[in-house]
PDB file of all heavy atoms in Angstrom:
ATOM      1  N   LEU A   1     122.236   5.634  46.984  1.00  0.00           N
ATOM      2  CA  LEU A   1     121.130   6.564  47.214  1.00  0.00           C
ATOM      3  C   LEU A   1     121.555   7.937  46.707  1.00  0.00           C
ATOM      4  O   LEU A   1     122.500   8.536  47.228  1.00  0.00           O
ATOM      5  CB  LEU A   1     120.784   6.628  48.698  1.00  0.00           C
ATOM      6  CG  LEU A   1     119.497   7.395  49.045  1.00  0.00           C
ATOM      7  CD1 LEU A   1     118.278   6.602  48.591  1.00  0.00           C
ATOM      8  CD2 LEU A   1     119.417   7.677  50.536  1.00  0.00           C
ATOM      9  N   GLY A   2     120.868   8.429  45.689  1.00  0.00           N
ATOM     10  CA  GLY A   2     121.214   9.710  45.081  1.00  0.00           C
ATOM     11  C   GLY A   2     120.375  10.837  45.654  1.00  0.00           C
ATOM     12  O   GLY A   2     119.179  10.940  45.373  1.00  0.00           O
ATOM     13  N   CYS A   3     120.995  11.700  46.447  1.00  0.00           N
ATOM     14  CA  CYS A   3     120.302  12.818  47.092  1.00  0.00           C
ATOM     15  C   CYS A   3     120.512  14.105  46.295  1.00  0.00           C
ATOM     16  O   CYS A   3     121.400  14.198  45.457  1.00  0.00           O
ATOM     17  CB  CYS A   3     120.837  13.012  48.512  1.00  0.00           C
ATOM     18  SG  CYS A   3     120.758  11.524  49.519  1.00  0.00           S
ATOM     19  N   HIS A   4     119.698  15.107  46.588  1.00  0.00           N
ATOM     20  CA  HIS A   4     119.845  16.440  45.998  1.00  0.00           C
ATOM     21  C   HIS A   4     119.981  17.443  47.138  1.00  0.00           C
ATOM     22  O   HIS A   4     119.188  17.434  48.072  1.00  0.00           O
ATOM     23  CB  HIS A   4     118.636  16.787  45.135  1.00  0.00           C
ATOM     24  CG  HIS A   4     118.479  15.903  43.949  1.00  0.00           C
ATOM     25  ND1 HIS A   4     117.413  16.010  43.066  1.00  0.00           N
ATOM     26  CD2 HIS A   4     119.251  14.890  43.465  1.00  0.00           C
ATOM     27  CE1 HIS A   4     117.541  15.098  42.113  1.00  0.00           C
ATOM     28  NE2 HIS A   4     118.647  14.407  42.336  1.00  0.00           N
ATOM     29  N   ASN A   5     120.997  18.289  47.043  1.00  0.00           N
ATOM     30  CA  ASN A   5     121.261  19.259  48.109  1.00  0.00           C
ATOM     31  C   ASN A   5     121.605  20.620  47.526  1.00  0.00           C
ATOM     32  O   ASN A   5     122.770  20.931  47.280  1.00  0.00           O
ATOM     33  CB  ASN A   5     122.418  18.781  49.002  1.00  0.00           C
ATOM     34  CG  ASN A   5     122.036  17.600  49.876  1.00  0.00           C
ATOM     35  OD1 ASN A   5     122.687  16.578  49.876  1.00  0.00           O
ATOM     36  ND2 ASN A   5     120.961  17.745  50.637  1.00  0.00           N
ATOM     37  N   TYR A   6     120.597  21.434  47.294  1.00  0.00           N
ATOM     38  CA  TYR A   6     120.810  22.803  46.838  1.00  0.00           C
ATOM     39  C   TYR A   6     120.836  23.754  48.028  1.00  0.00           C
ATOM     40  O   TYR A   6     120.174  23.525  49.044  1.00  0.00           O
ATOM     41  CB  TYR A   6     119.673  23.252  45.914  1.00  0.00           C
ATOM     42  CG  TYR A   6     119.630  22.584  44.569  1.00  0.00           C
ATOM     43  CD1 TYR A   6     118.695  21.595  44.303  1.00  0.00           C
ATOM     44  CD2 TYR A   6     120.511  22.953  43.557  1.00  0.00           C
ATOM     45  CE1 TYR A   6     118.629  20.988  43.055  1.00  0.00           C
ATOM     46  CE2 TYR A   6     120.449  22.350  42.311  1.00  0.00           C
ATOM     47  CZ  TYR A   6     119.508  21.367  42.068  1.00  0.00           C
ATOM     48  OH  TYR A   6     119.448  20.772  40.829  1.00  0.00           O
ATOM     49  N   GLU A   7     121.593  24.832  47.880  1.00  0.00           N
ATOM     50  CA  GLU A   7     121.446  25.987  48.773  1.00  0.00           C
ATOM     51  C   GLU A   7     120.773  27.076  47.943  1.00  0.00           C
ATOM     52  O   GLU A   7     121.304  27.498  46.921  1.00  0.00           O
ATOM     53  CB  GLU A   7     122.804  26.472  49.292  1.00  0.00           C
ATOM     54  CG  GLU A   7     122.723  27.755  50.101  1.00  0.00           C
ATOM     55  CD  GLU A   7     121.690  27.684  51.218  1.00  0.00           C
ATOM     56  OE1 GLU A   7     121.823  26.812  52.096  1.00  0.00           O
ATOM     57  OE2 GLU A   7     120.733  28.498  51.178  1.00  0.00           O
ATOM     58  N   TYR A   8     119.596  27.512  48.382  1.00  0.00           N
ATOM     59  CA  TYR A   8     118.790  28.431  47.580  1.00  0.00           C
ATOM     60  C   TYR A   8     118.997  29.901  47.940  1.00  0.00           C
ATOM     61  O   TYR A   8     118.481  30.771  47.239  1.00  0.00           O
ATOM     62  CB  TYR A   8     117.308  28.079  47.719  1.00  0.00           C
ATOM     63  CG  TYR A   8     116.953  26.765  47.071  1.00  0.00           C
ATOM     64  CD1 TYR A   8     116.823  25.607  47.831  1.00  0.00           C
ATOM     65  CD2 TYR A   8     116.763  26.674  45.701  1.00  0.00           C
ATOM     66  CE1 TYR A   8     116.501  24.392  47.237  1.00  0.00           C
ATOM     67  CE2 TYR A   8     116.441  25.470  45.100  1.00  0.00           C
ATOM     68  CZ  TYR A   8     116.310  24.325  45.880  1.00  0.00           C
ATOM     69  OH  TYR A   8     115.999  23.132  45.279  1.00  0.00           O
ATOM     70  N   GLU A   9     119.700  30.191  49.010  1.00  0.00           N
ATOM     71  CA  GLU A   9     119.900  31.575  49.426  1.00  0.00           C
ATOM     72  C   GLU A   9     121.365  31.952  49.240  1.00  0.00           C
ATOM     73  O   GLU A   9     122.234  31.438  49.954  1.00  0.00           O
ATOM     74  CB  GLU A   9     119.466  31.755  50.878  1.00  0.00           C
ATOM     75  CG  GLU A   9     117.989  31.449  51.111  1.00  0.00           C
ATOM     76  CD  GLU A   9     117.582  31.694  52.557  1.00  0.00           C
ATOM     77  OE1 GLU A   9     117.771  32.830  53.022  1.00  0.00           O
ATOM     78  OE2 GLU A   9     117.094  30.757  53.194  1.00  0.00           O
ATOM     79  N   PRO A  10     121.674  32.830  48.295  1.00  0.00           N
ATOM     80  CA  PRO A  10     123.072  33.169  48.021  1.00  0.00           C
ATOM     81  C   PRO A  10     123.848  33.651  49.244  1.00  0.00           C
ATOM     82  O   PRO A  10     125.052  33.411  49.337  1.00  0.00           O
ATOM     83  CB  PRO A  10     122.957  34.274  46.960  1.00  0.00           C
ATOM     84  CG  PRO A  10     121.680  33.963  46.243  1.00  0.00           C
ATOM     85  CD  PRO A  10     120.754  33.453  47.311  1.00  0.00           C
ATOM     86  N   ALA A  11     123.169  34.316  50.181  1.00  0.00           N
ATOM     87  CA  ALA A  11     123.859  34.790  51.380  1.00  0.00           C
ATOM     88  C   ALA A  11     124.410  33.642  52.213  1.00  0.00           C
ATOM     89  O   ALA A  11     125.327  33.837  53.021  1.00  0.00           O
ATOM     90  CB  ALA A  11     122.912  35.644  52.226  1.00  0.00           C
ATOM     91  N   ASN A  12     123.882  32.431  52.016  1.00  0.00           N
ATOM     92  CA  ASN A  12     124.321  31.265  52.783  1.00  0.00           C
ATOM     93  C   ASN A  12     125.377  30.455  52.033  1.00  0.00           C
ATOM     94  O   ASN A  12     125.454  29.235  52.189  1.00  0.00           O
ATOM     95  CB  ASN A  12     123.122  30.371  53.103  1.00  0.00           C
ATOM     96  CG  ASN A  12     122.124  31.036  54.010  1.00  0.00           C
ATOM     97  OD1 ASN A  12     122.443  32.002  54.699  1.00  0.00           O
ATOM     98  ND2 ASN A  12     120.898  30.540  54.024  1.00  0.00           N
ATOM     99  N   PHE A  13     126.188  31.118  51.237  1.00  0.00           N
ATOM    100  CA  PHE A  13     127.164  30.399  50.427  1.00  0.00           C
ATOM    101  C   PHE A  13     128.132  29.589  51.281  1.00  0.00           C
ATOM    102  O   PHE A  13     128.651  28.571  50.844  1.00  0.00           O
ATOM    103  CB  PHE A  13     127.922  31.358  49.498  1.00  0.00           C
ATOM    104  CG  PHE A  13     128.757  32.399  50.186  1.00  0.00           C
ATOM    105  CD1 PHE A  13     130.080  32.160  50.510  1.00  0.00           C
ATOM    106  CD2 PHE A  13     128.216  33.644  50.502  1.00  0.00           C
ATOM    107  CE1 PHE A  13     130.859  33.131  51.127  1.00  0.00           C
ATOM    108  CE2 PHE A  13     128.979  34.624  51.113  1.00  0.00           C
ATOM    109  CZ  PHE A  13     130.302  34.359  51.441  1.00  0.00           C
ATOM    110  N   GLU A  14     128.379  30.018  52.524  1.00  0.00           N
ATOM    111  CA  GLU A  14     129.230  29.234  53.422  1.00  0.00           C
ATOM    112  C   GLU A  14     128.413  28.421  54.404  1.00  0.00           C
ATOM    113  O   GLU A  14     128.618  27.214  54.559  1.00  0.00           O
ATOM    114  CB  GLU A  14     130.186  30.162  54.181  1.00  0.00           C
ATOM    115  CG  GLU A  14     131.215  29.416  55.033  1.00  0.00           C
ATOM    116  CD  GLU A  14     130.682  28.995  56.402  1.00  0.00           C
ATOM    117  OE1 GLU A  14     129.851  29.732  56.974  1.00  0.00           O
ATOM    118  OE2 GLU A  14     131.093  27.930  56.902  1.00  0.00           O
ATOM    119  N   THR A  15     127.451  29.026  55.082  1.00  0.00           N
ATOM    120  CA  THR A  15     126.715  28.328  56.138  1.00  0.00           C
ATOM    121  C   THR A  15     125.882  27.171  55.580  1.00  0.00           C
ATOM    122  O   THR A  15     125.661  26.173  56.280  1.00  0.00           O
ATOM    123  CB  THR A  15     125.794  29.296  56.898  1.00  0.00           C
ATOM    124  OG1 THR A  15     124.903  29.935  55.958  1.00  0.00           O
ATOM    125  CG2 THR A  15     126.607  30.365  57.600  1.00  0.00           C
ATOM    126  N   GLY A  16     125.437  27.285  54.345  1.00  0.00           N
ATOM    127  CA  GLY A  16     124.666  26.205  53.748  1.00  0.00           C
ATOM    128  C   GLY A  16     125.456  24.916  53.634  1.00  0.00           C
ATOM    129  O   GLY A  16     124.879  23.820  53.662  1.00  0.00           O
ATOM    130  N   ILE A  17     126.775  25.015  53.500  1.00  0.00           N
ATOM    131  CA  ILE A  17     127.609  23.822  53.399  1.00  0.00           C
ATOM    132  C   ILE A  17     127.554  23.031  54.699  1.00  0.00           C
ATOM    133  O   ILE A  17     127.452  21.802  54.695  1.00  0.00           O
ATOM    134  CB  ILE A  17     129.059  24.213  53.048  1.00  0.00           C
ATOM    135  CG1 ILE A  17     129.092  24.891  51.675  1.00  0.00           C
ATOM    136  CG2 ILE A  17     129.969  22.992  53.072  1.00  0.00           C
ATOM    137  CD1 ILE A  17     130.407  25.544  51.347  1.00  0.00           C
ATOM    138  N   GLY A  18     127.586  23.727  55.824  1.00  0.00           N
ATOM    139  CA  GLY A  18     127.492  23.050  57.112  1.00  0.00           C
ATOM    140  C   GLY A  18     126.163  22.345  57.294  1.00  0.00           C
ATOM    141  O   GLY A  18     126.098  21.239  57.849  1.00  0.00           O
ATOM    142  N   ARG A  19     125.098  22.973  56.841  1.00  0.00           N
ATOM    143  CA  ARG A  19     123.776  22.351  56.937  1.00  0.00           C
ATOM    144  C   ARG A  19     123.730  21.067  56.121  1.00  0.00           C
ATOM    145  O   ARG A  19     123.216  20.033  56.586  1.00  0.00           O
ATOM    146  CB  ARG A  19     122.720  23.338  56.431  1.00  0.00           C
ATOM    147  CG  ARG A  19     121.320  22.758  56.311  1.00  0.00           C
ATOM    148  CD  ARG A  19     120.325  23.806  55.815  1.00  0.00           C
ATOM    149  NE  ARG A  19     120.699  24.392  54.535  1.00  0.00           N
ATOM    150  CZ  ARG A  19     120.508  23.806  53.357  1.00  0.00           C
ATOM    151  NH1 ARG A  19     119.972  22.603  53.302  1.00  0.00           N
ATOM    152  NH2 ARG A  19     120.870  24.414  52.241  1.00  0.00           N
ATOM    153  N   ILE A  20     124.279  21.109  54.913  1.00  0.00           N
ATOM    154  CA  ILE A  20     124.273  19.931  54.052  1.00  0.00           C
ATOM    155  C   ILE A  20     125.192  18.846  54.615  1.00  0.00           C
ATOM    156  O   ILE A  20     124.862  17.656  54.595  1.00  0.00           O
ATOM    157  CB  ILE A  20     124.677  20.336  52.625  1.00  0.00           C
ATOM    158  CG1 ILE A  20     123.596  21.251  52.026  1.00  0.00           C
ATOM    159  CG2 ILE A  20     124.898  19.115  51.744  1.00  0.00           C
ATOM    160  CD1 ILE A  20     124.019  21.959  50.764  1.00  0.00           C
ATOM    161  N   ARG A  21     126.347  19.251  55.147  1.00  0.00           N
ATOM    162  CA  ARG A  21     127.254  18.271  55.760  1.00  0.00           C
ATOM    163  C   ARG A  21     126.559  17.538  56.909  1.00  0.00           C
ATOM    164  O   ARG A  21     126.679  16.314  57.045  1.00  0.00           O
ATOM    165  CB  ARG A  21     128.518  18.952  56.274  1.00  0.00           C
ATOM    166  CG  ARG A  21     129.471  17.987  56.994  1.00  0.00           C
ATOM    167  CD  ARG A  21     130.560  18.749  57.725  1.00  0.00           C
ATOM    168  NE  ARG A  21     131.516  19.331  56.818  1.00  0.00           N
ATOM    169  CZ  ARG A  21     132.631  18.718  56.409  1.00  0.00           C
ATOM    170  NH1 ARG A  21     132.908  17.510  56.839  1.00  0.00           N
ATOM    171  NH2 ARG A  21     133.455  19.331  55.593  1.00  0.00           N
ATOM    172  N   ASN A  22     125.831  18.280  57.724  1.00  0.00           N
ATOM    173  CA  ASN A  22     125.138  17.679  58.856  1.00  0.00           C
ATOM    174  C   ASN A  22     124.178  16.597  58.379  1.00  0.00           C
ATOM    175  O   ASN A  22     124.112  15.501  58.957  1.00  0.00           O
ATOM    176  CB  ASN A  22     124.398  18.759  59.634  1.00  0.00           C
ATOM    177  CG  ASN A  22     123.586  18.192  60.782  1.00  0.00           C
ATOM    178  OD1 ASN A  22     122.375  18.035  60.688  1.00  0.00           O
ATOM    179  ND2 ASN A  22     124.254  17.897  61.888  1.00  0.00           N
ATOM    180  N   TYR A  23     123.433  16.898  57.324  1.00  0.00           N
ATOM    181  CA  TYR A  23     122.504  15.907  56.787  1.00  0.00           C
ATOM    182  C   TYR A  23     123.252  14.683  56.269  1.00  0.00           C
ATOM    183  O   TYR A  23     122.888  13.534  56.568  1.00  0.00           O
ATOM    184  CB  TYR A  23     121.654  16.494  55.666  1.00  0.00           C
ATOM    185  CG  TYR A  23     120.996  15.404  54.855  1.00  0.00           C
ATOM    186  CD1 TYR A  23     119.897  14.724  55.359  1.00  0.00           C
ATOM    187  CD2 TYR A  23     121.531  15.002  53.635  1.00  0.00           C
ATOM    188  CE1 TYR A  23     119.318  13.684  54.652  1.00  0.00           C
ATOM    189  CE2 TYR A  23     120.961  13.968  52.920  1.00  0.00           C
ATOM    190  CZ  TYR A  23     119.856  13.309  53.433  1.00  0.00           C
ATOM    191  OH  TYR A  23     119.303  12.273  52.741  1.00  0.00           O
ATOM    192  N   LEU A  24     124.306  14.890  55.477  1.00  0.00           N
ATOM    193  CA  LEU A  24     125.012  13.770  54.864  1.00  0.00           C
ATOM    194  C   LEU A  24     125.693  12.898  55.910  1.00  0.00           C
ATOM    195  O   LEU A  24     125.760  11.667  55.764  1.00  0.00           O
ATOM    196  CB  LEU A  24     126.030  14.285  53.848  1.00  0.00           C
ATOM    197  CG  LEU A  24     125.430  14.913  52.584  1.00  0.00           C
ATOM    198  CD1 LEU A  24     126.517  15.567  51.744  1.00  0.00           C
ATOM    199  CD2 LEU A  24     124.665  13.884  51.765  1.00  0.00           C
ATOM    200  N   GLU A  25     126.198  13.502  56.980  1.00  0.00           N
ATOM    201  CA  GLU A  25     126.805  12.709  58.049  1.00  0.00           C
ATOM    202  C   GLU A  25     125.753  11.875  58.768  1.00  0.00           C
ATOM    203  O   GLU A  25     126.001  10.706  59.115  1.00  0.00           O
ATOM    204  CB  GLU A  25     127.546  13.625  59.022  1.00  0.00           C
ATOM    205  CG  GLU A  25     128.823  14.210  58.427  1.00  0.00           C
ATOM    206  CD  GLU A  25     129.502  15.202  59.349  1.00  0.00           C
ATOM    207  OE1 GLU A  25     128.836  15.680  60.306  1.00  0.00           O
ATOM    208  OE2 GLU A  25     130.692  15.505  59.129  1.00  0.00           O
ATOM    209  N   LYS A  26     124.579  12.445  58.995  1.00  0.00           N
ATOM    210  CA  LYS A  26     123.501  11.669  59.615  1.00  0.00           C
ATOM    211  C   LYS A  26     123.063  10.531  58.699  1.00  0.00           C
ATOM    212  O   LYS A  26     122.797   9.412  59.167  1.00  0.00           O
ATOM    213  CB  LYS A  26     122.319  12.580  59.949  1.00  0.00           C
ATOM    214  CG  LYS A  26     122.558  13.529  61.106  1.00  0.00           C
ATOM    215  CD  LYS A  26     121.275  14.179  61.594  1.00  0.00           C
ATOM    216  CE  LYS A  26     120.699  15.125  60.570  1.00  0.00           C
ATOM    217  NZ  LYS A  26     119.488  15.838  61.110  1.00  0.00           N
ATOM    218  N   LEU A  27     122.990  10.807  57.405  1.00  0.00           N
ATOM    219  CA  LEU A  27     122.609   9.770  56.463  1.00  0.00           C
ATOM    220  C   LEU A  27     123.655   8.663  56.423  1.00  0.00           C
ATOM    221  O   LEU A  27     123.316   7.467  56.414  1.00  0.00           O
ATOM    222  CB  LEU A  27     122.424  10.383  55.078  1.00  0.00           C
ATOM    223  CG  LEU A  27     122.028   9.431  53.955  1.00  0.00           C
ATOM    224  CD1 LEU A  27     120.702   8.747  54.261  1.00  0.00           C
ATOM    225  CD2 LEU A  27     121.953  10.180  52.626  1.00  0.00           C
ATOM    226  N   ARG A  28     124.923   9.041  56.401  1.00  0.00           N
ATOM    227  CA  ARG A  28     126.004   8.047  56.412  1.00  0.00           C
ATOM    228  C   ARG A  28     125.900   7.156  57.650  1.00  0.00           C
ATOM    229  O   ARG A  28     126.002   5.924  57.556  1.00  0.00           O
ATOM    230  CB  ARG A  28     127.355   8.766  56.396  1.00  0.00           C
ATOM    231  CG  ARG A  28     128.572   7.868  56.506  1.00  0.00           C
ATOM    232  CD  ARG A  28     129.795   8.680  56.858  1.00  0.00           C
ATOM    233  NE  ARG A  28     129.634   9.330  58.161  1.00  0.00           N
ATOM    234  CZ  ARG A  28     130.431  10.308  58.609  1.00  0.00           C
ATOM    235  NH1 ARG A  28     131.413  10.759  57.845  1.00  0.00           N
ATOM    236  NH2 ARG A  28     130.229  10.832  59.797  1.00  0.00           N
TER     237      ARG A  28
END
């Protein structure tokens, strides 16, 4: 399953990673 995970707000250069990790762990 090929997902797409962009962070669109430059200020979230760190916090966006946690948001994406949360999604990928739930998907796993």
